C-alpha atoms as a PDB file:
ATOM      1  CA  MET A   1     -16.569 -66.676 -25.592  1.00  0.00           C
ATOM      2  CA  ARG A   2     -13.980 -67.684 -23.028  1.00  0.00           C
ATOM      3  CA  HIS A   3     -11.258 -68.897 -25.356  1.00  0.00           C
ATOM      4  CA  ARG A   4      -7.912 -69.024 -23.516  1.00  0.00           C
ATOM      5  CA  ASN A   5      -9.447 -67.556 -20.346  1.00  0.00           C
ATOM      6  CA  ALA A   6      -8.546 -70.098 -17.694  1.00  0.00           C
ATOM      7  CA  GLY A   7      -9.403 -69.852 -14.015  1.00  0.00           C
ATOM      8  CA  TYR A   8     -12.390 -69.899 -11.715  1.00  0.00           C
ATOM      9  CA  LYS A   9     -14.518 -66.821 -11.088  1.00  0.00           C
ATOM     10  CA  LEU A  10     -16.522 -68.348  -8.210  1.00  0.00           C
ATOM     11  CA  GLY A  11     -19.245 -65.718  -8.599  1.00  0.00           C
ATOM     12  CA  ARG A  12     -17.112 -62.996  -7.028  1.00  0.00           C
ATOM     13  CA  LEU A  13     -15.525 -59.731  -8.040  1.00  0.00           C
ATOM     14  CA  THR A  14     -11.799 -59.857  -8.713  1.00  0.00           C
ATOM     15  CA  GLN A  15     -10.700 -58.277  -5.424  1.00  0.00           C
ATOM     16  CA  HIS A  16     -13.020 -60.507  -3.403  1.00  0.00           C
ATOM     17  CA  ARG A  17     -11.802 -63.605  -5.247  1.00  0.00           C
ATOM     18  CA  TRP A  18      -8.120 -62.819  -4.642  1.00  0.00           C
ATOM     19  CA  ALA A  19      -8.818 -62.063  -0.974  1.00  0.00           C
ATOM     20  CA  LEU A  20     -10.520 -65.460  -0.727  1.00  0.00           C
ATOM     21  CA  PHE A  21      -7.507 -67.159  -2.341  1.00  0.00           C
ATOM     22  CA  ARG A  22      -5.119 -65.421   0.077  1.00  0.00           C
ATOM     23  CA  ASN A  23      -7.175 -66.485   3.085  1.00  0.00           C
ATOM     24  CA  LEU A  24      -7.368 -70.078   1.856  1.00  0.00           C
ATOM     25  CA  LEU A  25      -3.602 -70.165   1.262  1.00  0.00           C
ATOM     26  CA  VAL A  26      -2.865 -68.811   4.749  1.00  0.00           C
ATOM     27  CA  ALA A  27      -5.177 -71.396   6.316  1.00  0.00           C
ATOM     28  CA  LEU A  28      -3.721 -74.229   4.210  1.00  0.00           C
ATOM     29  CA  PHE A  29      -0.110 -73.459   5.089  1.00  0.00           C
ATOM     30  CA  ARG A  30      -0.946 -72.832   8.761  1.00  0.00           C
ATOM     31  CA  HIS A  31      -2.998 -76.005   9.338  1.00  0.00           C
ATOM     32  CA  GLU A  32      -1.800 -78.148   6.384  1.00  0.00           C
ATOM     33  CA  ARG A  33      -5.394 -79.316   5.860  1.00  0.00           C
ATOM     34  CA  ILE A  34      -8.548 -77.309   5.231  1.00  0.00           C
ATOM     35  CA  THR A  35     -12.160 -78.141   4.458  1.00  0.00           C
ATOM     36  CA  THR A  36     -13.685 -76.131   1.618  1.00  0.00           C
ATOM     37  CA  THR A  37     -15.885 -76.528  -1.417  1.00  0.00           C
ATOM     38  CA  GLU A  38     -14.614 -78.470  -4.390  1.00  0.00           C
ATOM     39  CA  ALA A  39     -14.595 -75.438  -6.708  1.00  0.00           C
ATOM     40  CA  LYS A  40     -12.592 -73.311  -4.251  1.00  0.00           C
ATOM     41  CA  ALA A  41     -10.122 -76.151  -3.651  1.00  0.00           C
ATOM     42  CA  LYS A  42      -9.555 -76.636  -7.376  1.00  0.00           C
ATOM     43  CA  ALA A  43      -9.101 -72.895  -7.826  1.00  0.00           C
ATOM     44  CA  VAL A  44      -6.522 -72.515  -5.040  1.00  0.00           C
ATOM     45  CA  ARG A  45      -4.633 -75.800  -5.559  1.00  0.00           C
ATOM     46  CA  GLY A  46      -2.464 -74.414  -8.369  1.00  0.00           C
ATOM     47  CA  LEU A  47      -1.628 -71.302  -6.363  1.00  0.00           C
ATOM     48  CA  ALA A  48      -0.601 -73.405  -3.364  1.00  0.00           C
ATOM     49  CA  ASP A  49       1.684 -75.551  -5.504  1.00  0.00           C
ATOM     50  CA  HIS A  50       3.213 -72.401  -7.019  1.00  0.00           C
ATOM     51  CA  MET A  51       3.856 -70.897  -3.559  1.00  0.00           C
ATOM     52  CA  ILE A  52       5.672 -74.069  -2.459  1.00  0.00           C
ATOM     53  CA  THR A  53       7.745 -74.064  -5.658  1.00  0.00           C
ATOM     54  CA  LEU A  54       8.728 -70.448  -4.980  1.00  0.00           C
ATOM     55  CA  ALA A  55       9.587 -71.297  -1.360  1.00  0.00           C
ATOM     56  CA  LYS A  56      11.952 -74.030  -2.528  1.00  0.00           C
ATOM     57  CA  ARG A  57      14.104 -71.357  -4.241  1.00  0.00           C
ATOM     58  CA  GLU A  58      14.910 -69.797  -0.839  1.00  0.00           C
ATOM     59  CA  ASN A  59      15.953 -66.327  -2.009  1.00  0.00           C
ATOM     60  CA  LEU A  60      14.720 -62.844  -1.186  1.00  0.00           C
ATOM     61  CA  HIS A  61      12.871 -62.330  -4.453  1.00  0.00           C
ATOM     62  CA  ALA A  62      10.946 -65.574  -4.018  1.00  0.00           C
ATOM     63  CA  ARG A  63      10.098 -64.629  -0.414  1.00  0.00           C
ATOM     64  CA  ARG A  64       8.717 -61.280  -1.566  1.00  0.00           C
ATOM     65  CA  GLN A  65       6.693 -62.959  -4.307  1.00  0.00           C
ATOM     66  CA  VAL A  66       5.162 -65.333  -1.757  1.00  0.00           C
ATOM     67  CA  LEU A  67       4.508 -62.462   0.660  1.00  0.00           C
ATOM     68  CA  SER A  68       2.526 -60.684  -2.058  1.00  0.00           C
ATOM     69  CA  MET A  69       0.145 -63.645  -2.140  1.00  0.00           C
ATOM     70  CA  VAL A  70       0.364 -64.933   1.474  1.00  0.00           C
ATOM     71  CA  PRO A  71       0.211 -61.802   3.655  1.00  0.00           C
ATOM     72  CA  ASP A  72       1.064 -63.517   6.967  1.00  0.00           C
ATOM     73  CA  THR A  73       4.810 -63.332   7.742  1.00  0.00           C
ATOM     74  CA  GLU A  74       4.627 -66.144  10.312  1.00  0.00           C
ATOM     75  CA  VAL A  75       3.050 -68.488   7.766  1.00  0.00           C
ATOM     76  CA  VAL A  76       5.562 -67.474   5.089  1.00  0.00           C
ATOM     77  CA  GLY A  77       8.424 -68.230   7.490  1.00  0.00           C
ATOM     78  CA  ARG A  78       6.933 -71.665   8.169  1.00  0.00           C
ATOM     79  CA  LEU A  79       6.442 -72.231   4.440  1.00  0.00           C
ATOM     80  CA  PHE A  80      10.096 -71.448   3.674  1.00  0.00           C
ATOM     81  CA  ASP A  81      11.574 -73.231   6.709  1.00  0.00           C
ATOM     82  CA  THR A  82       9.603 -76.446   7.139  1.00  0.00           C
ATOM     83  CA  ILE A  83       7.165 -77.042   4.290  1.00  0.00           C
ATOM     84  CA  ALA A  84       9.586 -76.308   1.436  1.00  0.00           C
ATOM     85  CA  ALA A  85      12.235 -78.494   3.088  1.00  0.00           C
ATOM     86  CA  ARG A  86       9.794 -81.431   3.206  1.00  0.00           C
ATOM     87  CA  PHE A  87       9.121 -81.118  -0.523  1.00  0.00           C
ATOM     88  CA  ALA A  88      12.752 -80.602  -1.579  1.00  0.00           C
ATOM     89  CA  ASP A  89      12.907 -83.823  -3.606  1.00  0.00           C
ATOM     90  CA  ARG A  90       9.382 -83.556  -5.097  1.00  0.00           C
ATOM     91  CA  ASN A  91       8.832 -81.767  -8.413  1.00  0.00           C
ATOM     92  CA  GLY A  92       5.169 -80.858  -8.045  1.00  0.00           C
ATOM     93  CA  GLY A  93       1.892 -82.263  -6.853  1.00  0.00           C
ATOM     94  CA  TYR A  94       2.252 -80.944  -3.320  1.00  0.00           C
ATOM     95  CA  THR A  95      -1.481 -80.946  -2.537  1.00  0.00           C
ATOM     96  CA  ARG A  96      -4.304 -83.462  -2.722  1.00  0.00           C
ATOM     97  CA  ILE A  97      -8.073 -83.128  -2.753  1.00  0.00           C
ATOM     98  CA  ILE A  98     -10.127 -85.699  -0.830  1.00  0.00           C
ATOM     99  CA  LYS A  99     -13.910 -85.673  -1.234  1.00  0.00           C
ATOM    100  CA  ALA A 100     -15.809 -85.211   2.028  1.00  0.00           C
ATOM    101  CA  GLY A 101     -19.433 -85.435   0.901  1.00  0.00           C
ATOM    102  CA  PRO A 102     -22.125 -82.772   0.585  1.00  0.00           C
ATOM    103  CA  ARG A 103     -22.459 -79.820   2.953  1.00  0.00           C
ATOM    104  CA  PRO A 104     -25.580 -80.175   5.130  1.00  0.00           C
ATOM    105  CA  GLY A 105     -27.026 -76.731   4.420  1.00  0.00           C
ATOM    106  CA  ASP A 106     -26.941 -76.504   0.637  1.00  0.00           C
ATOM    107  CA  ALA A 107     -25.470 -79.859  -0.516  1.00  0.00           C
ATOM    108  CA  ALA A 108     -22.378 -78.173  -1.968  1.00  0.00           C
ATOM    109  CA  PRO A 109     -19.660 -80.786  -2.586  1.00  0.00           C
ATOM    110  CA  MET A 110     -17.102 -80.426   0.217  1.00  0.00           C
ATOM    111  CA  VAL A 111     -13.488 -81.589   0.081  1.00  0.00           C
ATOM    112  CA  PHE A 112     -10.346 -81.671   2.178  1.00  0.00           C
ATOM    113  CA  LEU A 113      -7.448 -79.799   0.589  1.00  0.00           C
ATOM    114  CA  GLU A 114      -4.241 -80.948   2.248  1.00  0.00           C
ATOM    115  CA  LEU A 115      -0.510 -81.156   1.749  1.00  0.00           C
ATOM    116  CA  VAL A 116       0.576 -84.555   0.463  1.00  0.00           C
ATOM    117  CA  ASP A 117       3.035 -85.548   3.200  1.00  0.00           C
ATOM    118  CA  ARG A 118       1.045 -84.004   6.068  1.00  0.00           C
ATOM    119  CA  VAL A 119       1.923 -85.547   9.410  1.00  0.00           C
ATOM    120  CA  GLU A 120      -1.204 -86.722  11.217  1.00  0.00           C
ATOM    121  CA  THR A 121      -1.522 -84.991  14.576  1.00  0.00           C
ATOM    122  CA  PRO A 122      -2.935 -86.626  17.726  1.00  0.00           C
ATOM    123  CA  LYS A 123      -5.959 -84.318  17.416  1.00  0.00           C
ATOM    124  CA  ASP A 124      -6.803 -85.934  14.054  1.00  0.00           C
ATOM    125  CA  LYS A 125      -6.459 -89.406  15.552  1.00  0.00           C
ATOM    126  CA  ASP A 126      -8.799 -88.483  18.427  1.00  0.00           C
ATOM    127  CA  GLN A 127     -11.445 -87.298  15.958  1.00  0.00           C
ATOM    128  CA  LYS A 128     -11.242 -90.600  14.095  1.00  0.00           C
ATOM    129  CA  ARG A 129     -11.566 -92.534  17.360  1.00  0.00           C
ATOM    130  CA  ASP A 130     -14.605 -90.469  18.387  1.00  0.00           C
ATOM    131  CA  LYS A 131     -16.333 -91.300  15.132  1.00  0.00           C
ATOM    132  CA  LYS A 132     -15.740 -95.024  15.651  1.00  0.00           C
ATOM    133  CA  GLU A 133     -17.092 -94.977  19.219  1.00  0.00           C
ATOM    134  CA  ARG A 134     -20.429 -93.414  18.319  1.00  0.00           C
ATOM    135  CA  ALA A 135     -23.507 -95.615  18.435  1.00  0.00           C
ATOM    136  CA  PRO A 136     -25.133 -96.501  15.123  1.00  0.00           C
ATOM    137  CA  ARG A 137     -27.861 -94.178  13.948  1.00  0.00           C
ATOM    138  CA  GLY A 138     -31.160 -94.919  15.636  1.00  0.00           C
ATOM    139  CA  GLU A 139     -29.608 -96.520  18.713  1.00  0.00           C
ATOM    140  CA  ALA A 140     -28.184 -93.341  20.216  1.00  0.00           C
ATOM    141  CA  GLY A 141     -31.526 -92.002  21.425  1.00  0.00           C
ATOM    142  CA  ALA A 142     -35.168 -92.851  21.086  1.00  0.00           C
ATOM    143  CA  THR A 143     -36.693 -90.333  18.727  1.00  0.00           C
ATOM    144  CA  GLY A 144     -39.476 -90.244  16.196  1.00  0.00           C
ATOM    145  CA  LYS A 145     -41.530 -93.414  15.664  1.00  0.00           C
ATOM    146  CA  ARG A 146     -39.533 -95.442  18.168  1.00  0.00           C
ATOM    147  CA  LYS A 147     -40.181 -92.921  20.938  1.00  0.00           C
ATOM    148  CA  ARG A 148     -43.914 -92.847  20.171  1.00  0.00           C
ATOM    149  CA  LYS A 149     -44.081 -96.656  20.203  1.00  0.00           C
ATOM    150  CA  GLU A 150     -42.413 -96.735  23.605  1.00  0.00           C
ATOM    151  CA  LYS A 151     -44.833 -94.118  24.952  1.00  0.00           C
ATOM    152  CA  ALA A 152     -47.828 -96.042  23.584  1.00  0.00           C
ATOM    153  CA  ALA A 153     -46.535 -99.283  25.131  1.00  0.00           C
ATOM    154  CA  ALA A 154     -46.021 -97.560  28.488  1.00  0.00           C
ATOM    155  CA  ALA A 155     -49.505 -96.004  28.380  1.00  0.00           C
ATOM    156  CA  SER A 156     -51.245 -99.293  27.545  1.00  0.00           C
ATOM    157  CA  ALA A 157     -49.425-101.230  30.260  1.00  0.00           C
END
């Protein structure tokens, strides 16, 4: 029975799971938006919120607590200087999970885990524009049945 045993195991040993959480936290605070599976995002969301809450305290003990979980000093400095300042008037709920559809290889549900007040960068805007400019599926190139029909029409003419 798992009474009062909260948390996600994610099919990993304890050390591997905590290493995964650390890597996800570093990536989240460095890029402010990451793509991961839904289970991993739900598992790390609480840790990310706790790290931001610690960073808002701005004392040495809090910095050392965050460093024990986020082993990158550059990212911890950014967390304490910029990210915590942005969330100074918010009392929680610093992250959001946005569904991104299934992963092509194994259909695992993928999500975006991002900070709530993330500033959209020009790179993100360019990616959105590229998606809008693409031709609809089937019109981009003649493949499959359409290509065979064109070849048959050319051969008969």
